[in-house]
Structure formats: C-alpha cells, structure tokens
Amino acid sequence: MSSSGWKIKLFTLALSLGLAGQGVLSNPKVAWAAGLSLDLGNSASEQTGSSLQILMLLTVLSLAPAILMMMTSFTRIIIVLSFVRNALGTQQLPPNQVLVGLSLFLSFFIMAPTWNQINTNAIQPYMQNQITQSEAIDRAEEPLRMFMFKQTREKDLELFVGLSKMERPKTYREVPTYVLIPAFVISELKTAFQMGFAIFIPFIVIDMIVSSTLMSIGMMMLPPMMISLPFKLLLFVLVDGWHLVVESLVNSFK
C-alpha cells in the first residue's frame, strides 16, 4: 500500500475516533470500515484500467481468426485449393481439414517476412518497455498495411474511398485501415477466381472429350464423370499438379 493510502486511512481513522468520542460515531469499528472503503476507492481507477486492458486483449484474441483470414494470404489460397478439388471432381478429397491446414501453413510461409518485421519493430521493443502500447500497435500495423497495399487493386481501393465519402487521399498513409481491408478482400477474391478459372480449363476439356466419345459410341447411359475422373487424376499427377498450384500461389504474392 502506498504512503498516501496510509495517510488517508490514519487521517480517516483519527477523525472517526474523534467523532466517536464526541458521540457522532459511537462504534470505532464503523470508523475503521469507513477508512478502508476510502482507501479502496483510491485504487479503483487502477483496477478499472487493468480490467479494460484485459477486455481489449480478449477482444483481439476473439477476432484473431477473422484477422488471419481477411488480412493475410489465407483467403486466396483456400479459394484456389477449393477450385482445384472441384475441378478434379473428387468431392471430399482432399478433405476440408487438409485444405485448411495446407492453406494455413502456406499463409505462414508467405507472411513470414511481414511477421518478422512486426516482431522486430513492434513486439520486441514493447516487451522490453522501450515503446508504449499505442506505438507498438502503430508499428505492427505498418508492415501489414504495406502487404495489403501491394495486393490491392487501385480500382477496388477507389471504390471504398468513394463509398466512405472521404477526401481523396494523396498518399497511401492517408488511407484508413478500415477502407483498406475491404478493398484488399475483394481484390483477393477476384485474383483467386481468375486463378480458379485457369485451373478449370484443362479439366473441362477432358470432360468434353469424354462426353463426346461416349455419345459417339452410343454409351449415353454411362455417366461421363465416372470415366473422366481417372483421366483427370492421371493428368494432374503426371504434370505434378500440386507442385504447380503451390508454386503459382506463392509467386502470385511476389
């Protein structure tokens, strides 16, 4: 307990005992309780500040999945891998857990330079009490903003700048983060669908060839998907499809 807290308690206790001696407070225990309540009230502001910090930390942790999905390379990767599975026609192979896990580790690989900058410029100085919490947040935000700016189309950025009805920014630093994030997300969606379309083309050609062949020999009752699936798997394995897809995904962020 601080010296000021003891002084307040002693002063309150003496005042209470004096009043008790004069008949104002007949019970000295009541006076001691009053002094204790005043001392606790003096530290209420510190406890409130700590509670607010814990609440903010829990809020950030609850938003961590959304931050990982929307502000990193995860969105593009998981969509492209889902296109690959649909183009192959293998339904649930690979399973969702495998696709999400692969997307997660690829995101860690792609975002590693950005995480290193955040750790060096923001987290480590803050842990060593060299900067304040607000400065750490600003420093951590900057590398992530630079990554999103590199992957965001100017057309999408102009769309949300116009929708926000703000003045046209002259530099990237003047663009608010709440404007940058949705522009980055729709840019990622467009890029992922473009890559998915390119992936679908060779498998559609195989489906067309198999369907035309079956119709020409009169086997219309045989599902074309049953015949084309082995050929699509064979083509995907021969060209080392997973290697090409992952290489294209990683290079698309450079």
C-alpha atoms as a PDB file:
ATOM      1  CA  MET A   1       0.000   0.000   0.000  1.00  0.00           C
ATOM      2  CA  SER A   2       1.394   3.479  -0.815  1.00  0.00           C
ATOM      3  CA  SER A   3       2.253   6.106   1.786  1.00  0.00           C
ATOM      4  CA  SER A   4      -0.593   8.330   0.612  1.00  0.00           C
ATOM      5  CA  GLY A   5      -3.024   5.452   1.204  1.00  0.00           C
ATOM      6  CA  TRP A   6      -1.769   5.006   4.774  1.00  0.00           C
ATOM      7  CA  LYS A   7      -2.045   8.731   5.445  1.00  0.00           C
ATOM      8  CA  ILE A   8      -5.638   8.801   4.210  1.00  0.00           C
ATOM      9  CA  LYS A   9      -6.504   5.768   6.345  1.00  0.00           C
ATOM     10  CA  LEU A  10      -4.868   7.185   9.502  1.00  0.00           C
ATOM     11  CA  PHE A  11      -6.473  10.571   8.999  1.00  0.00           C
ATOM     12  CA  THR A  12      -9.878   8.998   8.463  1.00  0.00           C
ATOM     13  CA  LEU A  13      -9.421   6.706  11.459  1.00  0.00           C
ATOM     14  CA  ALA A  14      -8.409   9.576  13.730  1.00  0.00           C
ATOM     15  CA  LEU A  15     -11.318  11.652  12.516  1.00  0.00           C
ATOM     16  CA  SER A  16     -13.695   8.755  13.049  1.00  0.00           C
ATOM     17  CA  LEU A  17     -12.400   8.036  16.524  1.00  0.00           C
ATOM     18  CA  GLY A  18     -12.654  11.709  17.396  1.00  0.00           C
ATOM     19  CA  LEU A  19     -16.217  11.817  16.192  1.00  0.00           C
ATOM     20  CA  ALA A  20     -16.925   8.622  18.101  1.00  0.00           C
ATOM     21  CA  GLY A  21     -15.576  10.205  21.245  1.00  0.00           C
ATOM     22  CA  GLN A  22     -17.923  13.120  20.710  1.00  0.00           C
ATOM     23  CA  GLY A  23     -20.864  10.786  20.225  1.00  0.00           C
ATOM     24  CA  VAL A  24     -21.179  11.242  16.466  1.00  0.00           C
ATOM     25  CA  LEU A  25     -19.877   7.736  15.744  1.00  0.00           C
ATOM     26  CA  SER A  26     -20.491   5.540  18.725  1.00  0.00           C
ATOM     27  CA  ASN A  27     -18.761   2.462  17.244  1.00  0.00           C
ATOM     28  CA  PRO A  28     -14.998   2.701  16.361  1.00  0.00           C
ATOM     29  CA  LYS A  29     -15.314  -0.374  14.065  1.00  0.00           C
ATOM     30  CA  VAL A  30     -17.620   1.600  11.838  1.00  0.00           C
ATOM     31  CA  ALA A  31     -14.982   4.312  11.573  1.00  0.00           C
ATOM     32  CA  TRP A  32     -12.320   1.736  10.602  1.00  0.00           C
ATOM     33  CA  ALA A  33     -14.625   0.358   7.882  1.00  0.00           C
ATOM     34  CA  ALA A  34     -15.155   3.863   6.549  1.00  0.00           C
ATOM     35  CA  GLY A  35     -11.404   4.445   6.307  1.00  0.00           C
ATOM     36  CA  LEU A  36     -10.941   1.125   4.498  1.00  0.00           C
ATOM     37  CA  SER A  37     -13.616   1.971   1.949  1.00  0.00           C
ATOM     38  CA  LEU A  38     -11.981   5.309   1.211  1.00  0.00           C
ATOM     39  CA  ASP A  39      -8.622   3.604   0.647  1.00  0.00           C
ATOM     40  CA  LEU A  40     -10.153   1.067  -1.719  1.00  0.00           C
ATOM     41  CA  GLY A  41     -11.839   3.835  -3.656  1.00  0.00           C
ATOM     42  CA  ASN A  42      -8.466   5.460  -4.193  1.00  0.00           C
ATOM     43  CA  SER A  43      -7.189   2.425  -6.157  1.00  0.00           C
ATOM     44  CA  ALA A  44     -10.400   1.826  -8.125  1.00  0.00           C
ATOM     45  CA  SER A  45      -9.117   3.744 -11.145  1.00  0.00           C
ATOM     46  CA  GLU A  46      -6.032   1.496 -11.422  1.00  0.00           C
ATOM     47  CA  GLN A  47      -8.167  -1.646 -11.235  1.00  0.00           C
ATOM     48  CA  THR A  48     -10.519  -0.244 -13.881  1.00  0.00           C
ATOM     49  CA  GLY A  49      -7.611   0.441 -16.235  1.00  0.00           C
ATOM     50  CA  SER A  50      -6.293  -3.116 -15.836  1.00  0.00           C
ATOM     51  CA  SER A  51      -9.753  -4.548 -16.441  1.00  0.00           C
ATOM     52  CA  LEU A  52     -10.128  -2.547 -19.633  1.00  0.00           C
ATOM     53  CA  GLN A  53      -6.749  -3.778 -20.897  1.00  0.00           C
ATOM     54  CA  ILE A  54      -7.735  -7.390 -20.237  1.00  0.00           C
ATOM     55  CA  LEU A  55     -11.056  -6.816 -22.017  1.00  0.00           C
ATOM     56  CA  MET A  56      -9.284  -5.358 -25.062  1.00  0.00           C
ATOM     57  CA  LEU A  57      -6.854  -8.305 -25.132  1.00  0.00           C
ATOM     58  CA  LEU A  58      -9.715 -10.820 -25.061  1.00  0.00           C
ATOM     59  CA  THR A  59     -11.450  -8.907 -27.854  1.00  0.00           C
ATOM     60  CA  VAL A  60      -8.342  -9.048 -30.049  1.00  0.00           C
ATOM     61  CA  LEU A  61      -7.943 -12.780 -29.384  1.00  0.00           C
ATOM     62  CA  SER A  62     -11.570 -13.415 -30.366  1.00  0.00           C
ATOM     63  CA  LEU A  63     -11.003 -11.538 -33.634  1.00  0.00           C
ATOM     64  CA  ALA A  64      -7.756 -13.384 -34.412  1.00  0.00           C
ATOM     65  CA  PRO A  65      -9.379 -15.909 -36.830  1.00  0.00           C
ATOM     66  CA  ALA A  66     -11.015 -13.106 -38.804  1.00  0.00           C
ATOM     67  CA  ILE A  67      -7.741 -11.168 -38.907  1.00  0.00           C
ATOM     68  CA  LEU A  68      -5.883 -14.259 -40.131  1.00  0.00           C
ATOM     69  CA  MET A  69      -8.455 -14.965 -42.845  1.00  0.00           C
ATOM     70  CA  MET A  70      -9.159 -11.448 -44.098  1.00  0.00           C
ATOM     71  CA  MET A  71      -5.852  -9.593 -43.722  1.00  0.00           C
ATOM     72  CA  THR A  72      -3.388 -12.238 -44.932  1.00  0.00           C
ATOM     73  CA  SER A  73      -2.890 -14.523 -47.929  1.00  0.00           C
ATOM     74  CA  PHE A  74      -5.209 -17.175 -46.481  1.00  0.00           C
ATOM     75  CA  THR A  75      -8.302 -16.129 -48.472  1.00  0.00           C
ATOM     76  CA  ARG A  76      -6.706 -16.502 -51.898  1.00  0.00           C
ATOM     77  CA  ILE A  77      -5.031 -19.800 -51.042  1.00  0.00           C
ATOM     78  CA  ILE A  78      -8.088 -21.582 -49.648  1.00  0.00           C
ATOM     79  CA  ILE A  79     -10.270 -20.487 -52.581  1.00  0.00           C
ATOM     80  CA  VAL A  80      -7.757 -21.656 -55.186  1.00  0.00           C
ATOM     81  CA  LEU A  81      -7.301 -25.016 -53.470  1.00  0.00           C
ATOM     82  CA  SER A  82     -11.074 -25.427 -53.320  1.00  0.00           C
ATOM     83  CA  PHE A  83     -11.228 -24.745 -57.072  1.00  0.00           C
ATOM     84  CA  VAL A  84      -8.639 -27.448 -57.628  1.00  0.00           C
ATOM     85  CA  ARG A  85     -10.723 -30.001 -55.728  1.00  0.00           C
ATOM     86  CA  ASN A  86     -13.912 -29.037 -57.568  1.00  0.00           C
ATOM     87  CA  ALA A  87     -12.172 -29.165 -60.945  1.00  0.00           C
ATOM     88  CA  LEU A  88     -10.897 -32.659 -60.229  1.00  0.00           C
ATOM     89  CA  GLY A  89     -14.386 -33.737 -59.220  1.00  0.00           C
ATOM     90  CA  THR A  90     -13.169 -35.727 -56.227  1.00  0.00           C
ATOM     91  CA  GLN A  91     -15.919 -34.327 -53.968  1.00  0.00           C
ATOM     92  CA  GLN A  92     -14.397 -34.547 -50.457  1.00  0.00           C
ATOM     93  CA  LEU A  93     -10.832 -35.432 -51.406  1.00  0.00           C
ATOM     94  CA  PRO A  94      -8.659 -33.843 -50.155  1.00  0.00           C
ATOM     95  CA  PRO A  95     -10.817 -33.290 -47.034  1.00  0.00           C
ATOM     96  CA  ASN A  96     -11.511 -29.827 -45.681  1.00  0.00           C
ATOM     97  CA  GLN A  97      -9.075 -30.286 -42.801  1.00  0.00           C
ATOM     98  CA  VAL A  98      -6.224 -30.925 -45.226  1.00  0.00           C
ATOM     99  CA  LEU A  99      -7.066 -27.920 -47.402  1.00  0.00           C
ATOM    100  CA  VAL A 100      -7.411 -25.596 -44.420  1.00  0.00           C
ATOM    101  CA  GLY A 101      -4.188 -26.891 -42.869  1.00  0.00           C
ATOM    102  CA  LEU A 102      -2.248 -26.512 -46.115  1.00  0.00           C
ATOM    103  CA  SER A 103      -3.670 -23.016 -46.591  1.00  0.00           C
ATOM    104  CA  LEU A 104      -2.709 -22.089 -43.045  1.00  0.00           C
ATOM    105  CA  PHE A 105       0.905 -23.209 -43.355  1.00  0.00           C
ATOM    106  CA  LEU A 106       1.262 -21.626 -46.781  1.00  0.00           C
ATOM    107  CA  SER A 107      -0.058 -18.399 -45.271  1.00  0.00           C
ATOM    108  CA  PHE A 108       2.572 -18.615 -42.521  1.00  0.00           C
ATOM    109  CA  PHE A 109       5.242 -19.166 -45.172  1.00  0.00           C
ATOM    110  CA  ILE A 110       4.124 -16.232 -47.322  1.00  0.00           C
ATOM    111  CA  MET A 111       3.548 -13.876 -44.399  1.00  0.00           C
ATOM    112  CA  ALA A 112       6.840 -14.753 -42.643  1.00  0.00           C
ATOM    113  CA  PRO A 113       8.685 -11.571 -43.780  1.00  0.00           C
ATOM    114  CA  THR A 114       5.774  -9.444 -42.600  1.00  0.00           C
ATOM    115  CA  TRP A 115       5.603 -11.241 -39.230  1.00  0.00           C
ATOM    116  CA  ASN A 116       9.357 -10.785 -38.796  1.00  0.00           C
ATOM    117  CA  GLN A 117       9.047  -7.043 -39.351  1.00  0.00           C
ATOM    118  CA  ILE A 118       6.187  -6.827 -36.842  1.00  0.00           C
ATOM    119  CA  ASN A 119       8.179  -8.812 -34.276  1.00  0.00           C
ATOM    120  CA  THR A 120      11.334  -6.744 -34.739  1.00  0.00           C
ATOM    121  CA  ASN A 121       9.764  -3.284 -34.905  1.00  0.00           C
ATOM    122  CA  ALA A 122       6.788  -3.643 -32.551  1.00  0.00           C
ATOM    123  CA  ILE A 123       6.617  -6.717 -30.323  1.00  0.00           C
ATOM    124  CA  GLN A 124      10.217  -6.918 -29.080  1.00  0.00           C
ATOM    125  CA  PRO A 125      10.543  -3.176 -28.268  1.00  0.00           C
ATOM    126  CA  TYR A 126       7.211  -3.307 -26.449  1.00  0.00           C
ATOM    127  CA  MET A 127       8.201  -6.391 -24.448  1.00  0.00           C
ATOM    128  CA  GLN A 128      11.399  -4.571 -23.417  1.00  0.00           C
ATOM    129  CA  ASN A 129       9.382  -1.484 -22.372  1.00  0.00           C
ATOM    130  CA  GLN A 130      11.085   0.675 -24.989  1.00  0.00           C
ATOM    131  CA  ILE A 131       7.832   1.899 -26.579  1.00  0.00           C
ATOM    132  CA  THR A 132       4.266   2.372 -25.430  1.00  0.00           C
ATOM    133  CA  GLN A 133       1.320   0.188 -26.330  1.00  0.00           C
ATOM    134  CA  SER A 134      -0.083   2.667 -28.856  1.00  0.00           C
ATOM    135  CA  GLU A 135       3.310   2.986 -30.568  1.00  0.00           C
ATOM    136  CA  ALA A 136       3.569  -0.812 -30.753  1.00  0.00           C
ATOM    137  CA  ILE A 137       0.154  -1.034 -32.424  1.00  0.00           C
ATOM    138  CA  ASP A 138       1.112   1.621 -34.979  1.00  0.00           C
ATOM    139  CA  ARG A 139       4.398  -0.108 -35.773  1.00  0.00           C
ATOM    140  CA  ALA A 140       2.711  -3.515 -36.089  1.00  0.00           C
ATOM    141  CA  GLU A 141       0.068  -2.107 -38.405  1.00  0.00           C
ATOM    142  CA  GLU A 142       2.502  -0.614 -40.902  1.00  0.00           C
ATOM    143  CA  PRO A 143       4.035  -3.850 -42.376  1.00  0.00           C
ATOM    144  CA  LEU A 144       0.588  -5.423 -42.622  1.00  0.00           C
ATOM    145  CA  ARG A 145      -0.751  -2.372 -44.455  1.00  0.00           C
ATOM    146  CA  MET A 146       2.159  -2.481 -46.895  1.00  0.00           C
ATOM    147  CA  PHE A 147       1.421  -6.131 -47.661  1.00  0.00           C
ATOM    148  CA  MET A 148      -2.252  -5.383 -48.304  1.00  0.00           C
ATOM    149  CA  PHE A 149      -1.456  -2.348 -50.456  1.00  0.00           C
ATOM    150  CA  LYS A 150       0.771  -4.470 -52.719  1.00  0.00           C
ATOM    151  CA  GLN A 151      -2.067  -6.962 -53.317  1.00  0.00           C
ATOM    152  CA  THR A 152      -4.924  -4.435 -53.621  1.00  0.00           C
ATOM    153  CA  ARG A 153      -6.080  -3.099 -56.973  1.00  0.00           C
ATOM    154  CA  GLU A 154      -6.380   0.662 -57.281  1.00  0.00           C
ATOM    155  CA  LYS A 155      -9.887   0.263 -58.691  1.00  0.00           C
ATOM    156  CA  ASP A 156     -11.057  -1.573 -55.576  1.00  0.00           C
ATOM    157  CA  LEU A 157      -9.352   0.963 -53.338  1.00  0.00           C
ATOM    158  CA  GLU A 158     -11.028   3.828 -55.179  1.00  0.00           C
ATOM    159  CA  LEU A 159     -14.389   2.098 -54.736  1.00  0.00           C
ATOM    160  CA  PHE A 160     -14.234   2.086 -50.930  1.00  0.00           C
ATOM    161  CA  VAL A 161     -12.651   5.531 -50.765  1.00  0.00           C
ATOM    162  CA  GLY A 162     -15.658   6.811 -52.705  1.00  0.00           C
ATOM    163  CA  LEU A 163     -18.146   4.841 -50.604  1.00  0.00           C
ATOM    164  CA  SER A 164     -16.652   6.262 -47.403  1.00  0.00           C
ATOM    165  CA  LYS A 165     -17.197   9.807 -48.769  1.00  0.00           C
ATOM    166  CA  MET A 166     -13.789  10.910 -47.593  1.00  0.00           C
ATOM    167  CA  GLU A 167     -11.429  13.276 -49.340  1.00  0.00           C
ATOM    168  CA  ARG A 168      -9.244  11.663 -51.976  1.00  0.00           C
ATOM    169  CA  PRO A 169      -6.016  10.653 -50.197  1.00  0.00           C
ATOM    170  CA  LYS A 170      -2.785  11.884 -51.689  1.00  0.00           C
ATOM    171  CA  THR A 171      -0.593   9.107 -50.273  1.00  0.00           C
ATOM    172  CA  TYR A 172      -1.114   5.574 -49.068  1.00  0.00           C
ATOM    173  CA  ARG A 173      -0.536   6.681 -45.480  1.00  0.00           C
ATOM    174  CA  GLU A 174      -3.705   8.769 -45.642  1.00  0.00           C
ATOM    175  CA  VAL A 175      -5.849   5.740 -46.486  1.00  0.00           C
ATOM    176  CA  PRO A 176      -7.551   4.474 -43.294  1.00  0.00           C
ATOM    177  CA  THR A 177      -7.193   0.822 -42.421  1.00  0.00           C
ATOM    178  CA  TYR A 178     -10.962   0.303 -42.345  1.00  0.00           C
ATOM    179  CA  VAL A 179     -11.026   1.371 -46.014  1.00  0.00           C
ATOM    180  CA  LEU A 180      -8.016  -0.733 -46.999  1.00  0.00           C
ATOM    181  CA  ILE A 181      -9.222  -4.048 -45.552  1.00  0.00           C
ATOM    182  CA  PRO A 182     -12.447  -4.497 -47.631  1.00  0.00           C
ATOM    183  CA  ALA A 183     -10.620  -3.329 -50.765  1.00  0.00           C
ATOM    184  CA  PHE A 184      -7.922  -5.931 -50.111  1.00  0.00           C
ATOM    185  CA  VAL A 185     -10.512  -8.684 -49.564  1.00  0.00           C
ATOM    186  CA  ILE A 186     -12.392  -8.143 -52.841  1.00  0.00           C
ATOM    187  CA  SER A 187      -9.074  -7.897 -54.697  1.00  0.00           C
ATOM    188  CA  GLU A 188      -8.083 -11.251 -53.239  1.00  0.00           C
ATOM    189  CA  LEU A 189     -11.421 -12.751 -54.261  1.00  0.00           C
ATOM    190  CA  LYS A 190     -11.025 -11.540 -57.844  1.00  0.00           C
ATOM    191  CA  THR A 191      -7.468 -12.861 -58.105  1.00  0.00           C
ATOM    192  CA  ALA A 192      -8.495 -16.229 -56.628  1.00  0.00           C
ATOM    193  CA  PHE A 193     -11.369 -16.624 -59.087  1.00  0.00           C
ATOM    194  CA  GLN A 194      -9.107 -15.755 -62.010  1.00  0.00           C
ATOM    195  CA  MET A 195      -6.660 -18.449 -60.954  1.00  0.00           C
ATOM    196  CA  GLY A 196      -9.534 -20.886 -60.407  1.00  0.00           C
ATOM    197  CA  PHE A 197     -10.806 -20.269 -63.937  1.00  0.00           C
ATOM    198  CA  ALA A 198      -7.371 -21.050 -65.368  1.00  0.00           C
ATOM    199  CA  ILE A 199      -7.280 -24.272 -63.337  1.00  0.00           C
ATOM    200  CA  PHE A 200     -10.696 -25.384 -64.589  1.00  0.00           C
ATOM    201  CA  ILE A 201      -9.893 -25.119 -68.312  1.00  0.00           C
ATOM    202  CA  PRO A 202      -7.833 -28.332 -68.847  1.00  0.00           C
ATOM    203  CA  PHE A 203     -10.269 -30.427 -66.806  1.00  0.00           C
ATOM    204  CA  ILE A 204     -13.253 -29.065 -68.732  1.00  0.00           C
ATOM    205  CA  VAL A 205     -11.510 -30.099 -71.960  1.00  0.00           C
ATOM    206  CA  ILE A 206     -11.146 -33.645 -70.631  1.00  0.00           C
ATOM    207  CA  ASP A 207     -14.846 -33.731 -69.657  1.00  0.00           C
ATOM    208  CA  MET A 208     -15.858 -32.561 -73.135  1.00  0.00           C
ATOM    209  CA  ILE A 209     -13.680 -35.145 -74.870  1.00  0.00           C
ATOM    210  CA  VAL A 210     -15.012 -37.985 -72.725  1.00  0.00           C
ATOM    211  CA  SER A 211     -18.629 -36.872 -73.166  1.00  0.00           C
ATOM    212  CA  SER A 212     -18.261 -36.608 -76.953  1.00  0.00           C
ATOM    213  CA  THR A 213     -16.605 -40.017 -77.134  1.00  0.00           C
ATOM    214  CA  LEU A 214     -19.330 -41.710 -75.083  1.00  0.00           C
ATOM    215  CA  MET A 215     -22.070 -40.136 -77.201  1.00  0.00           C
ATOM    216  CA  SER A 216     -20.388 -41.142 -80.435  1.00  0.00           C
ATOM    217  CA  ILE A 217     -20.253 -44.820 -79.430  1.00  0.00           C
ATOM    218  CA  GLY A 218     -23.817 -44.760 -78.070  1.00  0.00           C
ATOM    219  CA  MET A 219     -22.998 -45.175 -74.378  1.00  0.00           C
ATOM    220  CA  MET A 220     -25.243 -42.329 -73.231  1.00  0.00           C
ATOM    221  CA  MET A 221     -26.374 -44.154 -70.078  1.00  0.00           C
ATOM    222  CA  LEU A 222     -22.826 -44.259 -68.700  1.00  0.00           C
ATOM    223  CA  PRO A 223     -22.060 -41.152 -66.552  1.00  0.00           C
ATOM    224  CA  PRO A 224     -19.211 -39.203 -68.201  1.00  0.00           C
ATOM    225  CA  MET A 225     -17.902 -38.176 -64.768  1.00  0.00           C
ATOM    226  CA  MET A 226     -17.137 -41.789 -63.928  1.00  0.00           C
ATOM    227  CA  ILE A 227     -14.915 -42.129 -66.991  1.00  0.00           C
ATOM    228  CA  SER A 228     -13.330 -38.681 -66.959  1.00  0.00           C
ATOM    229  CA  LEU A 229     -12.316 -38.756 -63.280  1.00  0.00           C
ATOM    230  CA  PRO A 230      -9.449 -41.268 -63.713  1.00  0.00           C
ATOM    231  CA  PHE A 231      -8.140 -39.315 -66.708  1.00  0.00           C
ATOM    232  CA  LYS A 232      -8.209 -36.037 -64.777  1.00  0.00           C
ATOM    233  CA  LEU A 233      -6.398 -37.624 -61.856  1.00  0.00           C
ATOM    234  CA  LEU A 234      -3.836 -39.108 -64.223  1.00  0.00           C
ATOM    235  CA  LEU A 235      -3.249 -35.737 -65.890  1.00  0.00           C
ATOM    236  CA  PHE A 236      -2.949 -33.979 -62.530  1.00  0.00           C
ATOM    237  CA  VAL A 237      -0.397 -36.493 -61.267  1.00  0.00           C
ATOM    238  CA  LEU A 238       1.655 -36.532 -64.477  1.00  0.00           C
ATOM    239  CA  VAL A 239       2.094 -32.751 -64.541  1.00  0.00           C
ATOM    240  CA  ASP A 240       2.747 -32.671 -60.757  1.00  0.00           C
ATOM    241  CA  GLY A 241      -0.317 -30.543 -60.188  1.00  0.00           C
ATOM    242  CA  TRP A 242       0.136 -29.754 -56.502  1.00  0.00           C
ATOM    243  CA  HIS A 243       3.646 -28.506 -57.166  1.00  0.00           C
ATOM    244  CA  LEU A 244       2.412 -26.203 -59.933  1.00  0.00           C
ATOM    245  CA  VAL A 245      -0.538 -24.910 -57.927  1.00  0.00           C
ATOM    246  CA  VAL A 246       1.501 -24.138 -54.816  1.00  0.00           C
ATOM    247  CA  GLU A 247       4.281 -22.550 -56.864  1.00  0.00           C
ATOM    248  CA  SER A 248       1.772 -20.339 -58.668  1.00  0.00           C
ATOM    249  CA  LEU A 249       0.131 -19.314 -55.401  1.00  0.00           C
ATOM    250  CA  VAL A 250       3.392 -18.352 -53.717  1.00  0.00           C
ATOM    251  CA  ASN A 251       4.683 -16.478 -56.772  1.00  0.00           C
ATOM    252  CA  SER A 252       1.391 -14.593 -57.118  1.00  0.00           C
ATOM    253  CA  PHE A 253       2.219 -12.696 -53.910  1.00  0.00           C
ATOM    254  CA  LYS A 254       5.671 -11.575 -55.049  1.00  0.00           C
END
